[in-house]
Structures are given as C-alpha cells and as structure tokens.
C-alpha cells in the first residue's frame, strides 16, 4: 500500500467542505482515511456546476491529492 503523507490529510470522523480545483463541491464526513485515498459520505452538495453530480448520503472513495479539505463544524 502506498504510504505517501498528504499535507492536507482529512481525518476519519470529521466533517469537511471538499474543494476541487478551487470550487467547493460538497460537504462530507470522512468515514475512512488511508494513504492517498479517503472514503467520504456526502452530507450536502454545494450549489454550482458540480451540484448534480453528487447526492446527499452518497458514499465514495476519493483520491485525497485532488481535493482541498476545509474543516467544518
């Protein structure tokens, strides 16, 4: 398994706004974070061009390096 440490690594159990290419795409809870991958559960898609790509409750694996994670409370 790849063990690269990402500088903006999300933590399991925390909630974040996930930003892709400078655009907030959804709020999510991190279910699992492992190496370069994270399993996220979409809490709420953000309005905009990606809004129709995601649904509340959707669970998926994402490649951490493609996202910026802004911790939300």
PDB file of N, CA and C in Angstrom:
ATOM      1  N   UNK A   1       0.844  -1.185   0.000  1.00  0.00           N
ATOM      2  CA  UNK A   1       0.000   0.000   0.000  1.00  0.00           C
ATOM      3  C   UNK A   1       0.884   1.242   0.000  1.00  0.00           C
ATOM      4  N   UNK A   2       0.478   2.227  -0.721  1.00  0.00           N
ATOM      5  CA  UNK A   2       1.209   3.482  -0.813  1.00  0.00           C
ATOM      6  C   UNK A   2       1.063   4.249   0.496  1.00  0.00           C
ATOM      7  N   UNK A   3       2.142   4.773   1.030  1.00  0.00           N
ATOM      8  CA  UNK A   3       2.092   5.436   2.339  1.00  0.00           C
ATOM      9  C   UNK A   3       2.424   6.921   2.272  1.00  0.00           C
ATOM     10  N   UNK A   4       2.248   7.525   1.111  1.00  0.00           N
ATOM     11  CA  UNK A   4       2.514   8.952   0.953  1.00  0.00           C
ATOM     12  C   UNK A   4       1.690   9.758   1.959  1.00  0.00           C
ATOM     13  N   UNK A   5       2.322  10.727   2.618  1.00  0.00           N
ATOM     14  CA  UNK A   5       1.624  11.589   3.578  1.00  0.00           C
ATOM     15  C   UNK A   5       1.177  12.860   2.868  1.00  0.00           C
ATOM     16  N   UNK A   6      -0.101  13.094   2.840  1.00  0.00           N
ATOM     17  CA  UNK A   6      -0.662  14.281   2.217  1.00  0.00           C
ATOM     18  C   UNK A   6      -0.664  15.407   3.243  1.00  0.00           C
ATOM     19  N   UNK A   7      -0.289  16.617   2.844  1.00  0.00           N
ATOM     20  CA  UNK A   7      -0.190  17.727   3.785  1.00  0.00           C
ATOM     21  C   UNK A   7      -1.562  18.230   4.229  1.00  0.00           C
ATOM     22  N   UNK A   8      -2.586  17.967   3.473  1.00  0.00           N
ATOM     23  CA  UNK A   8      -3.938  18.409   3.805  1.00  0.00           C
ATOM     24  C   UNK A   8      -4.810  17.182   4.029  1.00  0.00           C
ATOM     25  N   UNK A   9      -4.296  16.260   4.816  1.00  0.00           N
ATOM     26  CA  UNK A   9      -4.943  14.973   5.009  1.00  0.00           C
ATOM     27  C   UNK A   9      -6.191  15.088   5.895  1.00  0.00           C
ATOM     28  N   UNK A  10      -7.320  14.597   5.410  1.00  0.00           N
ATOM     29  CA  UNK A  10      -8.536  14.605   6.227  1.00  0.00           C
ATOM     30  C   UNK A  10      -8.471  13.511   7.290  1.00  0.00           C
ATOM     31  N   UNK A  11      -9.216  13.695   8.367  1.00  0.00           N
ATOM     32  CA  UNK A  11      -9.248  12.722   9.449  1.00  0.00           C
ATOM     33  C   UNK A  11     -10.617  12.057   9.522  1.00  0.00           C
ATOM     34  N   UNK A  12     -10.604  10.745   9.735  1.00  0.00           N
ATOM     35  CA  UNK A  12     -11.852   9.985   9.846  1.00  0.00           C
ATOM     36  C   UNK A  12     -12.703  10.544  10.981  1.00  0.00           C
ATOM     37  N   UNK A  13     -14.008  10.641  10.722  1.00  0.00           N
ATOM     38  CA  UNK A  13     -14.953  11.120  11.715  1.00  0.00           C
ATOM     39  C   UNK A  13     -15.184  12.619  11.690  1.00  0.00           C
ATOM     40  N   UNK A  14     -14.353  13.358  10.960  1.00  0.00           N
ATOM     41  CA  UNK A  14     -14.512  14.809  10.884  1.00  0.00           C
ATOM     42  C   UNK A  14     -15.289  15.196   9.632  1.00  0.00           C
ATOM     43  N   UNK A  15     -15.838  16.412   9.669  1.00  0.00           N
ATOM     44  CA  UNK A  15     -16.619  16.932   8.547  1.00  0.00           C
ATOM     45  C   UNK A  15     -15.837  18.035   7.858  1.00  0.00           C
ATOM     46  N   UNK A  16     -15.911  18.031   6.529  1.00  0.00           N
ATOM     47  CA  UNK A  16     -15.168  18.980   5.716  1.00  0.00           C
ATOM     48  C   UNK A  16     -16.013  19.463   4.546  1.00  0.00           C
ATOM     49  N   UNK A  17     -15.674  20.649   4.058  1.00  0.00           N
ATOM     50  CA  UNK A  17     -16.112  21.067   2.736  1.00  0.00           C
ATOM     51  C   UNK A  17     -15.002  20.612   1.805  1.00  0.00           C
ATOM     52  N   UNK A  18     -15.343  19.825   0.815  1.00  0.00           N
ATOM     53  CA  UNK A  18     -14.372  19.294  -0.138  1.00  0.00           C
ATOM     54  C   UNK A  18     -14.328  20.210  -1.347  1.00  0.00           C
ATOM     55  N   UNK A  19     -13.123  20.697  -1.648  1.00  0.00           N
ATOM     56  CA  UNK A  19     -12.923  21.683  -2.707  1.00  0.00           C
ATOM     57  C   UNK A  19     -12.105  21.038  -3.825  1.00  0.00           C
ATOM     58  N   UNK A  20     -12.623  21.092  -5.031  1.00  0.00           N
ATOM     59  CA  UNK A  20     -11.976  20.506  -6.201  1.00  0.00           C
ATOM     60  C   UNK A  20     -11.635  21.629  -7.182  1.00  0.00           C
ATOM     61  N   UNK A  21     -10.356  21.783  -7.494  1.00  0.00           N
ATOM     62  CA  UNK A  21      -9.908  22.833  -8.422  1.00  0.00           C
ATOM     63  C   UNK A  21     -10.415  24.217  -8.013  1.00  0.00           C
ATOM     64  N   UNK A  22     -10.398  24.496  -6.715  1.00  0.00           N
ATOM     65  CA  UNK A  22     -10.816  25.799  -6.210  1.00  0.00           C
ATOM     66  C   UNK A  22     -12.310  25.988  -6.067  1.00  0.00           C
ATOM     67  N   UNK A  23     -13.098  24.946  -6.379  1.00  0.00           N
ATOM     68  CA  UNK A  23     -14.564  25.039  -6.326  1.00  0.00           C
ATOM     69  C   UNK A  23     -15.091  24.117  -5.219  1.00  0.00           C
ATOM     70  N   UNK A  24     -15.808  24.665  -4.210  1.00  0.00           N
ATOM     71  CA  UNK A  24     -16.429  23.799  -3.205  1.00  0.00           C
ATOM     72  C   UNK A  24     -17.483  22.916  -3.875  1.00  0.00           C
ATOM     73  N   UNK A  25     -17.356  21.584  -3.716  1.00  0.00           N
ATOM     74  CA  UNK A  25     -18.285  20.690  -4.406  1.00  0.00           C
ATOM     75  C   UNK A  25     -19.285  20.026  -3.471  1.00  0.00           C
ATOM     76  N   UNK A  26     -18.889  19.728  -2.236  1.00  0.00           N
ATOM     77  CA  UNK A  26     -19.833  19.139  -1.279  1.00  0.00           C
ATOM     78  C   UNK A  26     -19.261  19.187   0.124  1.00  0.00           C
ATOM     79  N   UNK A  27     -20.185  19.123   1.104  1.00  0.00           N
ATOM     80  CA  UNK A  27     -19.807  18.915   2.498  1.00  0.00           C
ATOM     81  C   UNK A  27     -19.859  17.417   2.711  1.00  0.00           C
ATOM     82  N   UNK A  28     -18.874  16.883   3.431  1.00  0.00           N
ATOM     83  CA  UNK A  28     -18.805  15.434   3.611  1.00  0.00           C
ATOM     84  C   UNK A  28     -18.233  15.077   4.971  1.00  0.00           C
ATOM     85  N   UNK A  29     -18.580  13.886   5.421  1.00  0.00           N
ATOM     86  CA  UNK A  29     -17.960  13.306   6.604  1.00  0.00           C
ATOM     87  C   UNK A  29     -16.975  12.256   6.117  1.00  0.00           C
ATOM     88  N   UNK A  30     -15.775  12.291   6.656  1.00  0.00           N
ATOM     89  CA  UNK A  30     -14.758  11.312   6.273  1.00  0.00           C
ATOM     90  C   UNK A  30     -15.019  10.038   7.065  1.00  0.00           C
ATOM     91  N   UNK A  31     -15.293   8.958   6.368  1.00  0.00           N
ATOM     92  CA  UNK A  31     -15.559   7.688   7.026  1.00  0.00           C
ATOM     93  C   UNK A  31     -14.284   6.901   7.269  1.00  0.00           C
ATOM     94  N   UNK A  32     -13.339   7.020   6.324  1.00  0.00           N
ATOM     95  CA  UNK A  32     -12.065   6.323   6.456  1.00  0.00           C
ATOM     96  C   UNK A  32     -11.024   7.095   5.655  1.00  0.00           C
ATOM     97  N   UNK A  33      -9.827   7.213   6.226  1.00  0.00           N
ATOM     98  CA  UNK A  33      -8.722   7.866   5.515  1.00  0.00           C
ATOM     99  C   UNK A  33      -7.536   6.920   5.554  1.00  0.00           C
ATOM    100  N   UNK A  34      -7.038   6.563   4.369  1.00  0.00           N
ATOM    101  CA  UNK A  34      -5.941   5.602   4.298  1.00  0.00           C
ATOM    102  C   UNK A  34      -5.033   5.957   3.131  1.00  0.00           C
ATOM    103  N   UNK A  35      -3.817   6.331   3.457  1.00  0.00           N
ATOM    104  CA  UNK A  35      -2.860   6.679   2.412  1.00  0.00           C
ATOM    105  C   UNK A  35      -3.365   7.798   1.527  1.00  0.00           C
ATOM    106  N   UNK A  36      -3.396   7.548   0.243  1.00  0.00           N
ATOM    107  CA  UNK A  36      -3.817   8.563  -0.744  1.00  0.00           C
ATOM    108  C   UNK A  36      -5.318   8.573  -0.994  1.00  0.00           C
ATOM    109  N   UNK A  37      -6.063   7.714  -0.295  1.00  0.00           N
ATOM    110  CA  UNK A  37      -7.496   7.583  -0.519  1.00  0.00           C
ATOM    111  C   UNK A  37      -8.284   7.879   0.746  1.00  0.00           C
ATOM    112  N   UNK A  38      -9.511   8.326   0.559  1.00  0.00           N
ATOM    113  CA  UNK A  38     -10.430   8.532   1.667  1.00  0.00           C
ATOM    114  C   UNK A  38     -11.821   8.104   1.226  1.00  0.00           C
ATOM    115  N   UNK A  39     -12.573   7.541   2.149  1.00  0.00           N
ATOM    116  CA  UNK A  39     -13.972   7.218   1.906  1.00  0.00           C
ATOM    117  C   UNK A  39     -14.793   8.340   2.527  1.00  0.00           C
ATOM    118  N   UNK A  40     -15.627   8.965   1.701  1.00  0.00           N
ATOM    119  CA  UNK A  40     -16.429  10.092   2.174  1.00  0.00           C
ATOM    120  C   UNK A  40     -17.917   9.797   2.014  1.00  0.00           C
ATOM    121  N   UNK A  41     -18.695  10.403   2.910  1.00  0.00           N
ATOM    122  CA  UNK A  41     -20.152  10.355   2.801  1.00  0.00           C
ATOM    123  C   UNK A  41     -20.609  11.788   2.574  1.00  0.00           C
ATOM    124  N   UNK A  42     -21.246  12.025   1.440  1.00  0.00           N
ATOM    125  CA  UNK A  42     -21.714  13.368   1.083  1.00  0.00           C
ATOM    126  C   UNK A  42     -22.847  13.762   2.017  1.00  0.00           C
ATOM    127  N   UNK A  43     -22.683  14.912   2.683  1.00  0.00           N
ATOM    128  CA  UNK A  43     -23.732  15.434   3.558  1.00  0.00           C
ATOM    129  C   UNK A  43     -24.622  16.411   2.811  1.00  0.00           C
ATOM    130  N   UNK A  44     -23.985  17.226   1.947  1.00  0.00           N
ATOM    131  CA  UNK A  44     -24.754  18.207   1.170  1.00  0.00           C
ATOM    132  C   UNK A  44     -23.941  18.685  -0.023  1.00  0.00           C
ATOM    133  N   UNK A  45     -24.461  18.493  -1.225  1.00  0.00           N
ATOM    134  CA  UNK A  45     -23.783  19.055  -2.405  1.00  0.00           C
ATOM    135  C   UNK A  45     -23.828  20.586  -2.331  1.00  0.00           C
ATOM    136  N   UNK A  46     -22.790  21.231  -2.814  1.00  0.00           N
ATOM    137  CA  UNK A  46     -22.749  22.694  -2.856  1.00  0.00           C
ATOM    138  C   UNK A  46     -23.369  23.178  -4.166  1.00  0.00           C
ATOM    139  N   UNK A  47     -24.067  24.304  -4.127  1.00  0.00           N
ATOM    140  CA  UNK A  47     -24.632  24.861  -5.365  1.00  0.00           C
ATOM    141  C   UNK A  47     -23.523  25.174  -6.365  1.00  0.00           C
ATOM    142  N   UNK A  48     -23.789  24.926  -7.626  1.00  0.00           N
ATOM    143  CA  UNK A  48     -22.818  25.238  -8.667  1.00  0.00           C
ATOM    144  C   UNK A  48     -22.750  24.159  -9.726  1.00  0.00           C
ATOM    145  N   UNK A  49     -21.672  24.192 -10.500  1.00  0.00           N
ATOM    146  CA  UNK A  49     -21.578  23.326 -11.672  1.00  0.00           C
ATOM    147  C   UNK A  49     -21.465  21.840 -11.349  1.00  0.00           C
ATOM    148  N   UNK A  50     -21.055  21.470 -10.129  1.00  0.00           N
ATOM    149  CA  UNK A  50     -20.939  20.050  -9.770  1.00  0.00           C
ATOM    150  C   UNK A  50     -22.127  19.532  -8.956  1.00  0.00           C
ATOM    151  N   UNK A  51     -23.060  20.399  -8.649  1.00  0.00           N
ATOM    152  CA  UNK A  51     -24.171  20.066  -7.745  1.00  0.00           C
ATOM    153  C   UNK A  51     -24.941  18.809  -8.157  1.00  0.00           C
ATOM    154  N   UNK A  52     -25.189  18.629  -9.425  1.00  0.00           N
ATOM    155  CA  UNK A  52     -25.986  17.489  -9.891  1.00  0.00           C
ATOM    156  C   UNK A  52     -25.186  16.189  -9.952  1.00  0.00           C
ATOM    157  N   UNK A  53     -23.873  16.264  -9.710  1.00  0.00           N
ATOM    158  CA  UNK A  53     -23.021  15.074  -9.747  1.00  0.00           C
ATOM    159  C   UNK A  53     -23.046  14.286  -8.439  1.00  0.00           C
ATOM    160  N   UNK A  54     -23.536  14.911  -7.367  1.00  0.00           N
ATOM    161  CA  UNK A  54     -23.490  14.299  -6.034  1.00  0.00           C
ATOM    162  C   UNK A  54     -24.853  14.329  -5.382  1.00  0.00           C
ATOM    163  N   UNK A  55     -25.101  13.316  -4.538  1.00  0.00           N
ATOM    164  CA  UNK A  55     -26.374  13.223  -3.828  1.00  0.00           C
ATOM    165  C   UNK A  55     -26.101  13.067  -2.338  1.00  0.00           C
ATOM    166  N   UNK A  56     -26.967  13.662  -1.533  1.00  0.00           N
ATOM    167  CA  UNK A  56     -26.869  13.510  -0.085  1.00  0.00           C
ATOM    168  C   UNK A  56     -26.889  12.022   0.271  1.00  0.00           C
ATOM    169  N   UNK A  57     -25.959  11.594   1.118  1.00  0.00           N
ATOM    170  CA  UNK A  57     -25.882  10.197   1.533  1.00  0.00           C
ATOM    171  C   UNK A  57     -24.985   9.335   0.663  1.00  0.00           C
ATOM    172  N   UNK A  58     -24.550   9.849  -0.473  1.00  0.00           N
ATOM    173  CA  UNK A  58     -23.669   9.105  -1.381  1.00  0.00           C
ATOM    174  C   UNK A  58     -22.335   8.823  -0.681  1.00  0.00           C
ATOM    175  N   UNK A  59     -21.860   7.589  -0.775  1.00  0.00           N
ATOM    176  CA  UNK A  59     -20.577   7.194  -0.202  1.00  0.00           C
ATOM    177  C   UNK A  59     -19.652   6.803  -1.348  1.00  0.00           C
ATOM    178  N   UNK A  60     -18.422   7.324  -1.299  1.00  0.00           N
ATOM    179  CA  UNK A  60     -17.480   7.031  -2.389  1.00  0.00           C
ATOM    180  C   UNK A  60     -16.052   7.177  -1.893  1.00  0.00           C
ATOM    181  N   UNK A  61     -15.142   6.584  -2.635  1.00  0.00           N
ATOM    182  CA  UNK A  61     -13.717   6.742  -2.378  1.00  0.00           C
ATOM    183  C   UNK A  61     -13.197   7.858  -3.273  1.00  0.00           C
ATOM    184  N   UNK A  62     -12.387   8.725  -2.681  1.00  0.00           N
ATOM    185  CA  UNK A  62     -11.795   9.817  -3.453  1.00  0.00           C
ATOM    186  C   UNK A  62     -10.281   9.809  -3.274  1.00  0.00           C
ATOM    187  N   UNK A  63      -9.593  10.316  -4.261  1.00  0.00           N
ATOM    188  CA  UNK A  63      -8.133  10.462  -4.202  1.00  0.00           C
ATOM    189  C   UNK A  63      -7.845  11.791  -3.508  1.00  0.00           C
ATOM    190  N   UNK A  64      -7.215  11.727  -2.348  1.00  0.00           N
ATOM    191  CA  UNK A  64      -7.007  12.882  -1.480  1.00  0.00           C
ATOM    192  C   UNK A  64      -6.264  14.017  -2.182  1.00  0.00           C
ATOM    193  N   UNK A  65      -5.288  13.706  -3.019  1.00  0.00           N
ATOM    194  CA  UNK A  65      -4.460  14.745  -3.637  1.00  0.00           C
ATOM    195  C   UNK A  65      -5.237  15.702  -4.525  1.00  0.00           C
ATOM    196  N   UNK A  66      -6.416  15.302  -4.992  1.00  0.00           N
ATOM    197  CA  UNK A  66      -7.190  16.153  -5.889  1.00  0.00           C
ATOM    198  C   UNK A  66      -8.044  17.185  -5.154  1.00  0.00           C
ATOM    199  N   UNK A  67      -8.151  17.072  -3.839  1.00  0.00           N
ATOM    200  CA  UNK A  67      -9.054  17.910  -3.059  1.00  0.00           C
ATOM    201  C   UNK A  67      -8.321  18.748  -2.031  1.00  0.00           C
ATOM    202  N   UNK A  68      -8.953  19.849  -1.690  1.00  0.00           N
ATOM    203  CA  UNK A  68      -8.574  20.627  -0.515  1.00  0.00           C
ATOM    204  C   UNK A  68      -9.705  20.377   0.482  1.00  0.00           C
ATOM    205  N   UNK A  69      -9.357  20.200   1.747  1.00  0.00           N
ATOM    206  CA  UNK A  69     -10.346  19.889   2.774  1.00  0.00           C
ATOM    207  C   UNK A  69     -10.415  21.025   3.779  1.00  0.00           C
ATOM    208  N   UNK A  70     -11.578  21.680   3.845  1.00  0.00           N
ATOM    209  CA  UNK A  70     -11.792  22.778   4.775  1.00  0.00           C
ATOM    210  C   UNK A  70     -12.673  22.244   5.901  1.00  0.00           C
ATOM    211  N   UNK A  71     -12.094  22.137   7.088  1.00  0.00           N
ATOM    212  CA  UNK A  71     -12.842  21.529   8.203  1.00  0.00           C
ATOM    213  C   UNK A  71     -14.052  22.383   8.540  1.00  0.00           C
ATOM    214  N   UNK A  72     -15.192  21.724   8.716  1.00  0.00           N
ATOM    215  CA  UNK A  72     -16.427  22.407   9.088  1.00  0.00           C
ATOM    216  C   UNK A  72     -16.895  21.863  10.431  1.00  0.00           C
ATOM    217  N   UNK A  73     -17.775  22.601  11.069  1.00  0.00           N
ATOM    218  CA  UNK A  73     -18.226  22.196  12.408  1.00  0.00           C
ATOM    219  C   UNK A  73     -19.706  21.975  12.446  1.00  0.00           C
TER     220      UNK A  73
END
